[in-house]
Amino acid sequence: MSPLGFALAAALGNVAGALAVVRHLERGLRFIDGCLAFGAGFMLAVTLLGVMPQVVSTSPDAVLWVLLGYFAVHLAQHVFTSHFHFGEETHRVSASAGVSALLGLTLHTFFDGVAIASGFLVSDRLGLLLFLAVLLHKLPEGVTIASVLVAGGRSRRSAIGGAAVLGCATLLGVLLTEQIMILASHGLALSAGVTLYVAASNLVPEFQAKRGWHTTLAFFGGGMGYFVTERWLAGLV
């Protein structure tokens, strides 16, 4: 299986999320908002149950690279980025906020590609699971960058372009994984830290303040979705 093809499919998710924003597709935005909780549950399950055992089996010190990946994405999104949260931005922001958000998200989307490529280096099953985990947050990611750029006064074309940049960063992550020694050796661990951060520190806070069973069931459903998908893939690959 080609990791690049799966990365391209995931990258198109960024553009689809941006299109929902610039075309004011309210139904699509509500659907994407609902994906946040399910995606968070699925990503946590993939990282903790699918990736971490593989990382630890390579070397006990590999968990340090997981922590490094976690810290790196926090640094990019909440220190170097002046304005950032997942989901649609509905308030006016400065023009520079959109640019800084784009830069912050680019690092994390690069490691989306690294995650997909590193997963396929281990097995087709892990590669497919990581692809699904990446795909589930690509739509809200596209919504995030497009809405921040529009709220900062950028054109709709610029919003779509920003989402395309994120998609290209994902493709670049796949292409460079086997070419750069540190990514070939520790890419899976680094991307585990990044994915853990996105799920637990980006996505969960977006819905945890909401009351009711809707998001809770979606969150638990994402975790259960991992088990169902993993068992289904076990019979295919």
C-alpha atoms as a PDB file:
ATOM      1  CA  MET A   1       0.000   0.000   0.000  1.00  0.00           C
ATOM      2  CA  SER A   2       1.220   3.509  -0.809  1.00  0.00           C
ATOM      3  CA  PRO A   3       1.404   5.863   2.199  1.00  0.00           C
ATOM      4  CA  LEU A   4       1.520   8.811  -0.211  1.00  0.00           C
ATOM      5  CA  GLY A   5      -1.896   7.944  -1.633  1.00  0.00           C
ATOM      6  CA  PHE A   6      -3.438   7.781   1.822  1.00  0.00           C
ATOM      7  CA  ALA A   7      -1.721  11.046   2.783  1.00  0.00           C
ATOM      8  CA  LEU A   8      -3.227  12.693  -0.298  1.00  0.00           C
ATOM      9  CA  ALA A   9      -6.694  11.499   0.724  1.00  0.00           C
ATOM     10  CA  ALA A  10      -6.136  12.885   4.220  1.00  0.00           C
ATOM     11  CA  ALA A  11      -4.832  16.178   2.813  1.00  0.00           C
ATOM     12  CA  LEU A  12      -8.039  16.602   0.820  1.00  0.00           C
ATOM     13  CA  GLY A  13      -9.838  16.538   4.172  1.00  0.00           C
ATOM     14  CA  ASN A  14      -8.168  19.867   5.004  1.00  0.00           C
ATOM     15  CA  VAL A  15      -9.527  21.379   1.812  1.00  0.00           C
ATOM     16  CA  ALA A  16     -13.008  19.914   2.388  1.00  0.00           C
ATOM     17  CA  GLY A  17     -13.136  21.500   5.849  1.00  0.00           C
ATOM     18  CA  ALA A  18     -12.080  24.861   4.406  1.00  0.00           C
ATOM     19  CA  LEU A  19     -14.734  24.635   1.682  1.00  0.00           C
ATOM     20  CA  ALA A  20     -17.401  24.119   4.339  1.00  0.00           C
ATOM     21  CA  VAL A  21     -16.324  27.435   5.871  1.00  0.00           C
ATOM     22  CA  VAL A  22     -16.028  29.591   2.763  1.00  0.00           C
ATOM     23  CA  ARG A  23     -19.286  28.259   1.294  1.00  0.00           C
ATOM     24  CA  HIS A  24     -21.140  28.599   4.603  1.00  0.00           C
ATOM     25  CA  LEU A  25     -22.281  24.985   4.605  1.00  0.00           C
ATOM     26  CA  GLU A  26     -24.007  24.980   7.990  1.00  0.00           C
ATOM     27  CA  ARG A  27     -24.985  21.319   7.844  1.00  0.00           C
ATOM     28  CA  GLY A  28     -21.433  20.353   6.931  1.00  0.00           C
ATOM     29  CA  LEU A  29     -20.016  22.442   9.764  1.00  0.00           C
ATOM     30  CA  ARG A  30     -22.371  20.795  12.271  1.00  0.00           C
ATOM     31  CA  PHE A  31     -21.287  17.391  11.015  1.00  0.00           C
ATOM     32  CA  ILE A  32     -17.615  18.325  11.321  1.00  0.00           C
ATOM     33  CA  ASP A  33     -18.219  19.668  14.828  1.00  0.00           C
ATOM     34  CA  GLY A  34     -19.719  16.305  15.720  1.00  0.00           C
ATOM     35  CA  CYS A  35     -16.618  14.581  14.392  1.00  0.00           C
ATOM     36  CA  LEU A  36     -14.444  16.293  17.024  1.00  0.00           C
ATOM     37  CA  ALA A  37     -15.504  14.024  19.872  1.00  0.00           C
ATOM     38  CA  PHE A  38     -15.490  10.817  17.828  1.00  0.00           C
ATOM     39  CA  GLY A  39     -12.108  11.690  16.323  1.00  0.00           C
ATOM     40  CA  ALA A  40     -10.619  12.425  19.738  1.00  0.00           C
ATOM     41  CA  GLY A  41     -11.714   9.041  21.075  1.00  0.00           C
ATOM     42  CA  PHE A  42     -10.419   7.197  18.037  1.00  0.00           C
ATOM     43  CA  MET A  43      -7.073   9.039  18.068  1.00  0.00           C
ATOM     44  CA  LEU A  44      -6.501   8.379  21.761  1.00  0.00           C
ATOM     45  CA  ALA A  45      -7.222   4.685  21.294  1.00  0.00           C
ATOM     46  CA  VAL A  46      -4.938   4.386  18.262  1.00  0.00           C
ATOM     47  CA  THR A  47      -2.105   6.192  20.032  1.00  0.00           C
ATOM     48  CA  LEU A  48      -2.308   4.404  23.370  1.00  0.00           C
ATOM     49  CA  LEU A  49      -3.276   0.926  22.188  1.00  0.00           C
ATOM     50  CA  GLY A  50      -1.888   0.736  18.667  1.00  0.00           C
ATOM     51  CA  VAL A  51       1.198   2.951  18.552  1.00  0.00           C
ATOM     52  CA  MET A  52       2.598   3.098  22.084  1.00  0.00           C
ATOM     53  CA  PRO A  53       3.166  -0.673  22.475  1.00  0.00           C
ATOM     54  CA  GLN A  54       5.073  -0.609  19.185  1.00  0.00           C
ATOM     55  CA  VAL A  55       7.124   2.400  20.279  1.00  0.00           C
ATOM     56  CA  VAL A  56       8.023   0.924  23.666  1.00  0.00           C
ATOM     57  CA  SER A  57       8.987  -2.412  22.095  1.00  0.00           C
ATOM     58  CA  THR A  58      11.725  -0.712  20.049  1.00  0.00           C
ATOM     59  CA  SER A  59      13.430   0.880  23.053  1.00  0.00           C
ATOM     60  CA  PRO A  60      12.419   2.015  26.553  1.00  0.00           C
ATOM     61  CA  ASP A  61      14.002   5.392  25.751  1.00  0.00           C
ATOM     62  CA  ALA A  62      11.619   5.854  22.805  1.00  0.00           C
ATOM     63  CA  VAL A  63       8.995   7.314  25.138  1.00  0.00           C
ATOM     64  CA  LEU A  64      11.238  10.376  25.463  1.00  0.00           C
ATOM     65  CA  TRP A  65      10.593  11.039  21.766  1.00  0.00           C
ATOM     66  CA  VAL A  66       6.855  10.760  22.437  1.00  0.00           C
ATOM     67  CA  LEU A  67       7.197  13.455  25.097  1.00  0.00           C
ATOM     68  CA  LEU A  68       9.294  15.575  22.751  1.00  0.00           C
ATOM     69  CA  GLY A  69       6.596  15.371  20.075  1.00  0.00           C
ATOM     70  CA  TYR A  70       3.955  16.378  22.627  1.00  0.00           C
ATOM     71  CA  PHE A  71       5.980  19.378  23.804  1.00  0.00           C
ATOM     72  CA  ALA A  72       6.888  20.430  20.250  1.00  0.00           C
ATOM     73  CA  VAL A  73       3.296  20.762  19.096  1.00  0.00           C
ATOM     74  CA  HIS A  74       2.371  22.701  22.248  1.00  0.00           C
ATOM     75  CA  LEU A  75       5.251  25.067  21.572  1.00  0.00           C
ATOM     76  CA  ALA A  76       4.168  25.542  17.959  1.00  0.00           C
ATOM     77  CA  GLN A  77       0.462  26.032  18.638  1.00  0.00           C
ATOM     78  CA  HIS A  78       0.332  27.895  21.949  1.00  0.00           C
ATOM     79  CA  VAL A  79       3.624  29.756  22.299  1.00  0.00           C
ATOM     80  CA  PHE A  80       4.603  30.762  18.774  1.00  0.00           C
ATOM     81  CA  THR A  81       0.954  31.065  17.672  1.00  0.00           C
ATOM     82  CA  SER A  82      -0.897  34.136  18.944  1.00  0.00           C
ATOM     83  CA  HIS A  83      -4.430  32.782  18.458  1.00  0.00           C
ATOM     84  CA  PHE A  84      -5.404  29.151  18.208  1.00  0.00           C
ATOM     85  CA  HIS A  85      -8.228  26.759  19.006  1.00  0.00           C
ATOM     86  CA  PHE A  86      -9.794  23.944  17.043  1.00  0.00           C
ATOM     87  CA  GLY A  87     -13.152  24.611  15.441  1.00  0.00           C
ATOM     88  CA  GLU A  88     -14.744  27.516  13.597  1.00  0.00           C
ATOM     89  CA  GLU A  89     -13.532  30.994  14.528  1.00  0.00           C
ATOM     90  CA  THR A  90     -16.570  33.284  14.823  1.00  0.00           C
ATOM     91  CA  HIS A  91     -14.875  36.427  16.177  1.00  0.00           C
ATOM     92  CA  ARG A  92     -12.779  38.987  14.377  1.00  0.00           C
ATOM     93  CA  VAL A  93      -9.022  38.440  14.759  1.00  0.00           C
ATOM     94  CA  SER A  94      -5.928  40.214  13.463  1.00  0.00           C
ATOM     95  CA  ALA A  95      -4.506  39.360  10.061  1.00  0.00           C
ATOM     96  CA  SER A  96      -1.306  38.123  11.710  1.00  0.00           C
ATOM     97  CA  ALA A  97      -3.296  35.632  13.800  1.00  0.00           C
ATOM     98  CA  GLY A  98      -4.208  33.677  10.688  1.00  0.00           C
ATOM     99  CA  VAL A  99      -0.605  33.505   9.539  1.00  0.00           C
ATOM    100  CA  SER A 100       0.672  32.391  12.942  1.00  0.00           C
ATOM    101  CA  ALA A 101      -2.095  29.764  13.170  1.00  0.00           C
ATOM    102  CA  LEU A 102      -1.079  28.462   9.757  1.00  0.00           C
ATOM    103  CA  LEU A 103       2.548  28.185  10.856  1.00  0.00           C
ATOM    104  CA  GLY A 104       1.577  26.438  14.085  1.00  0.00           C
ATOM    105  CA  LEU A 105      -0.664  23.932  12.345  1.00  0.00           C
ATOM    106  CA  THR A 106       1.909  23.220   9.649  1.00  0.00           C
ATOM    107  CA  LEU A 107       4.232  21.446  12.103  1.00  0.00           C
ATOM    108  CA  HIS A 108       1.437  19.242  13.359  1.00  0.00           C
ATOM    109  CA  THR A 109       0.187  18.422   9.844  1.00  0.00           C
ATOM    110  CA  PHE A 110       3.726  17.558   8.804  1.00  0.00           C
ATOM    111  CA  PHE A 111       3.737  14.940  11.552  1.00  0.00           C
ATOM    112  CA  ASP A 112       0.368  13.694  10.336  1.00  0.00           C
ATOM    113  CA  GLY A 113       2.283  12.581   7.254  1.00  0.00           C
ATOM    114  CA  VAL A 114       5.114  11.181   9.354  1.00  0.00           C
ATOM    115  CA  ALA A 115       2.552   9.194  11.366  1.00  0.00           C
ATOM    116  CA  ILE A 116       1.014   7.647   8.247  1.00  0.00           C
ATOM    117  CA  ALA A 117       4.383   6.775   6.708  1.00  0.00           C
ATOM    118  CA  SER A 118       5.812   5.435   9.989  1.00  0.00           C
ATOM    119  CA  GLY A 119       2.718   3.321  10.563  1.00  0.00           C
ATOM    120  CA  PHE A 120       3.002   1.669   7.166  1.00  0.00           C
ATOM    121  CA  LEU A 121       6.680   0.943   7.854  1.00  0.00           C
ATOM    122  CA  VAL A 122       5.508  -1.197  10.788  1.00  0.00           C
ATOM    123  CA  SER A 123       2.492  -2.837   9.142  1.00  0.00           C
ATOM    124  CA  ASP A 124      -0.322  -2.104   6.722  1.00  0.00           C
ATOM    125  CA  ARG A 125      -2.792  -2.456   9.587  1.00  0.00           C
ATOM    126  CA  LEU A 126      -1.108   0.206  11.739  1.00  0.00           C
ATOM    127  CA  GLY A 127      -0.676   2.453   8.721  1.00  0.00           C
ATOM    128  CA  LEU A 128      -4.387   2.259   7.928  1.00  0.00           C
ATOM    129  CA  LEU A 129      -5.371   2.904  11.544  1.00  0.00           C
ATOM    130  CA  LEU A 130      -3.146   5.973  11.684  1.00  0.00           C
ATOM    131  CA  PHE A 131      -4.490   7.165   8.353  1.00  0.00           C
ATOM    132  CA  LEU A 132      -8.035   7.004   9.759  1.00  0.00           C
ATOM    133  CA  ALA A 133      -6.946   8.821  12.916  1.00  0.00           C
ATOM    134  CA  VAL A 134      -5.388  11.575  10.811  1.00  0.00           C
ATOM    135  CA  LEU A 135      -8.372  11.771   8.456  1.00  0.00           C
ATOM    136  CA  LEU A 136     -10.835  12.226  11.322  1.00  0.00           C
ATOM    137  CA  HIS A 137      -9.206  15.469  12.445  1.00  0.00           C
ATOM    138  CA  LYS A 138      -8.359  16.798   8.983  1.00  0.00           C
ATOM    139  CA  LEU A 139     -11.891  18.184   8.474  1.00  0.00           C
ATOM    140  CA  PRO A 140     -11.942  20.259  11.702  1.00  0.00           C
ATOM    141  CA  GLU A 141      -8.348  21.262  10.963  1.00  0.00           C
ATOM    142  CA  GLY A 142      -9.454  22.704   7.608  1.00  0.00           C
ATOM    143  CA  VAL A 143     -12.346  24.488   9.320  1.00  0.00           C
ATOM    144  CA  THR A 144      -9.940  25.948  11.872  1.00  0.00           C
ATOM    145  CA  ILE A 145      -7.418  27.438   9.475  1.00  0.00           C
ATOM    146  CA  ALA A 146      -9.977  28.684   6.951  1.00  0.00           C
ATOM    147  CA  SER A 147     -12.159  30.376   9.559  1.00  0.00           C
ATOM    148  CA  VAL A 148      -9.177  32.042  11.270  1.00  0.00           C
ATOM    149  CA  LEU A 149      -7.896  33.377   7.948  1.00  0.00           C
ATOM    150  CA  VAL A 150     -11.345  34.682   6.971  1.00  0.00           C
ATOM    151  CA  ALA A 151     -11.834  36.213  10.445  1.00  0.00           C
ATOM    152  CA  GLY A 152      -8.510  37.969   9.941  1.00  0.00           C
ATOM    153  CA  GLY A 153      -9.714  39.611   6.742  1.00  0.00           C
ATOM    154  CA  ARG A 154      -8.209  37.192   4.239  1.00  0.00           C
ATOM    155  CA  SER A 155     -10.073  36.217   1.092  1.00  0.00           C
ATOM    156  CA  ARG A 156     -11.889  32.945   0.578  1.00  0.00           C
ATOM    157  CA  ARG A 157      -9.198  31.953  -1.908  1.00  0.00           C
ATOM    158  CA  SER A 158      -6.544  32.540   0.733  1.00  0.00           C
ATOM    159  CA  ALA A 159      -8.545  30.391   3.166  1.00  0.00           C
ATOM    160  CA  ILE A 160      -8.592  27.503   0.689  1.00  0.00           C
ATOM    161  CA  GLY A 161      -4.905  28.100  -0.007  1.00  0.00           C
ATOM    162  CA  GLY A 162      -4.111  27.898   3.706  1.00  0.00           C
ATOM    163  CA  ALA A 163      -5.856  24.534   3.933  1.00  0.00           C
ATOM    164  CA  ALA A 164      -3.940  23.359   0.862  1.00  0.00           C
ATOM    165  CA  VAL A 165      -0.664  24.339   2.566  1.00  0.00           C
ATOM    166  CA  LEU A 166      -1.575  22.097   5.499  1.00  0.00           C
ATOM    167  CA  GLY A 167      -2.346  19.277   3.099  1.00  0.00           C
ATOM    168  CA  CYS A 168       1.006  19.738   1.352  1.00  0.00           C
ATOM    169  CA  ALA A 169       2.782  19.608   4.721  1.00  0.00           C
ATOM    170  CA  THR A 170       1.182  16.199   5.299  1.00  0.00           C
ATOM    171  CA  LEU A 171       2.439  14.954   1.935  1.00  0.00           C
ATOM    172  CA  LEU A 172       5.895  16.323   2.730  1.00  0.00           C
ATOM    173  CA  GLY A 173       5.883  14.418   6.008  1.00  0.00           C
ATOM    174  CA  VAL A 174       5.332  11.161   4.125  1.00  0.00           C
ATOM    175  CA  LEU A 175       8.009  11.929   1.540  1.00  0.00           C
ATOM    176  CA  LEU A 176      10.685  12.826   4.104  1.00  0.00           C
ATOM    177  CA  THR A 177      10.074  10.101   6.685  1.00  0.00           C
ATOM    178  CA  GLU A 178      12.426   7.581   5.122  1.00  0.00           C
ATOM    179  CA  GLN A 179      14.847  10.258   3.869  1.00  0.00           C
ATOM    180  CA  ILE A 180      15.692  11.899   7.194  1.00  0.00           C
ATOM    181  CA  MET A 181      17.407   9.605   9.678  1.00  0.00           C
ATOM    182  CA  ILE A 182      15.746  10.982  12.801  1.00  0.00           C
ATOM    183  CA  LEU A 183      12.296  10.521  11.269  1.00  0.00           C
ATOM    184  CA  ALA A 184      13.095   7.041  10.014  1.00  0.00           C
ATOM    185  CA  SER A 185      14.267   6.069  13.509  1.00  0.00           C
ATOM    186  CA  HIS A 186      11.909   8.025  15.762  1.00  0.00           C
ATOM    187  CA  GLY A 187       9.103   9.257  13.510  1.00  0.00           C
ATOM    188  CA  LEU A 188       6.515   6.906  14.983  1.00  0.00           C
ATOM    189  CA  ALA A 189       7.316   7.994  18.546  1.00  0.00           C
ATOM    190  CA  LEU A 190       7.343  11.700  17.650  1.00  0.00           C
ATOM    191  CA  SER A 191       4.056  11.433  15.784  1.00  0.00           C
ATOM    192  CA  ALA A 192       2.555   9.532  18.737  1.00  0.00           C
ATOM    193  CA  GLY A 193       3.298  12.531  20.943  1.00  0.00           C
ATOM    194  CA  VAL A 194       1.821  14.894  18.372  1.00  0.00           C
ATOM    195  CA  THR A 195      -1.330  12.787  17.923  1.00  0.00           C
ATOM    196  CA  LEU A 196      -1.749  12.444  21.680  1.00  0.00           C
ATOM    197  CA  TYR A 197      -1.526  16.212  22.046  1.00  0.00           C
ATOM    198  CA  VAL A 198      -4.032  16.905  19.271  1.00  0.00           C
ATOM    199  CA  ALA A 199      -6.531  14.438  20.745  1.00  0.00           C
ATOM    200  CA  ALA A 200      -6.167  15.220  24.450  1.00  0.00           C
ATOM    201  CA  SER A 201      -5.136  18.891  24.467  1.00  0.00           C
ATOM    202  CA  ASN A 202      -6.736  20.260  21.281  1.00  0.00           C
ATOM    203  CA  LEU A 203      -9.880  18.259  20.591  1.00  0.00           C
ATOM    204  CA  VAL A 204     -11.129  17.195  24.044  1.00  0.00           C
ATOM    205  CA  PRO A 205     -11.207  20.775  25.452  1.00  0.00           C
ATOM    206  CA  GLU A 206     -13.378  21.825  22.497  1.00  0.00           C
ATOM    207  CA  PHE A 207     -16.284  19.664  23.642  1.00  0.00           C
ATOM    208  CA  GLN A 208     -15.707  18.731  27.287  1.00  0.00           C
ATOM    209  CA  ALA A 209     -17.576  21.784  28.594  1.00  0.00           C
ATOM    210  CA  LYS A 210     -20.722  20.806  26.677  1.00  0.00           C
ATOM    211  CA  ARG A 211     -23.366  19.063  28.766  1.00  0.00           C
ATOM    212  CA  GLY A 212     -25.410  16.092  27.681  1.00  0.00           C
ATOM    213  CA  TRP A 213     -24.772  12.639  26.298  1.00  0.00           C
ATOM    214  CA  HIS A 214     -24.274  13.556  22.643  1.00  0.00           C
ATOM    215  CA  THR A 215     -20.559  14.369  22.734  1.00  0.00           C
ATOM    216  CA  THR A 216     -19.848  11.833  25.478  1.00  0.00           C
ATOM    217  CA  LEU A 217     -21.321   9.024  23.421  1.00  0.00           C
ATOM    218  CA  ALA A 218     -19.433  10.236  20.355  1.00  0.00           C
ATOM    219  CA  PHE A 219     -16.175  10.312  22.346  1.00  0.00           C
ATOM    220  CA  PHE A 220     -16.682   6.806  23.705  1.00  0.00           C
ATOM    221  CA  GLY A 221     -17.844   5.731  20.267  1.00  0.00           C
ATOM    222  CA  GLY A 222     -14.534   6.866  18.807  1.00  0.00           C
ATOM    223  CA  GLY A 223     -12.682   4.631  21.252  1.00  0.00           C
ATOM    224  CA  MET A 224     -14.953   1.720  20.449  1.00  0.00           C
ATOM    225  CA  GLY A 225     -14.526   2.491  16.768  1.00  0.00           C
ATOM    226  CA  TYR A 226     -10.835   1.743  17.115  1.00  0.00           C
ATOM    227  CA  PHE A 227     -11.523  -1.797  18.386  1.00  0.00           C
ATOM    228  CA  VAL A 228     -14.082  -2.493  15.662  1.00  0.00           C
ATOM    229  CA  THR A 229     -11.785  -1.137  12.933  1.00  0.00           C
ATOM    230  CA  GLU A 230      -8.723  -2.942  14.240  1.00  0.00           C
ATOM    231  CA  ARG A 231     -10.564  -6.276  14.319  1.00  0.00           C
ATOM    232  CA  TRP A 232     -11.979  -5.678  10.851  1.00  0.00           C
ATOM    233  CA  LEU A 233      -8.556  -4.832   9.436  1.00  0.00           C
ATOM    234  CA  ALA A 234      -7.096  -7.911  11.124  1.00  0.00           C
ATOM    235  CA  GLY A 235      -9.247 -10.004   8.850  1.00  0.00           C
ATOM    236  CA  LEU A 236      -8.205  -8.122   5.729  1.00  0.00           C
ATOM    237  CA  VAL A 237      -4.477  -7.316   6.015  1.00  0.00           C
END
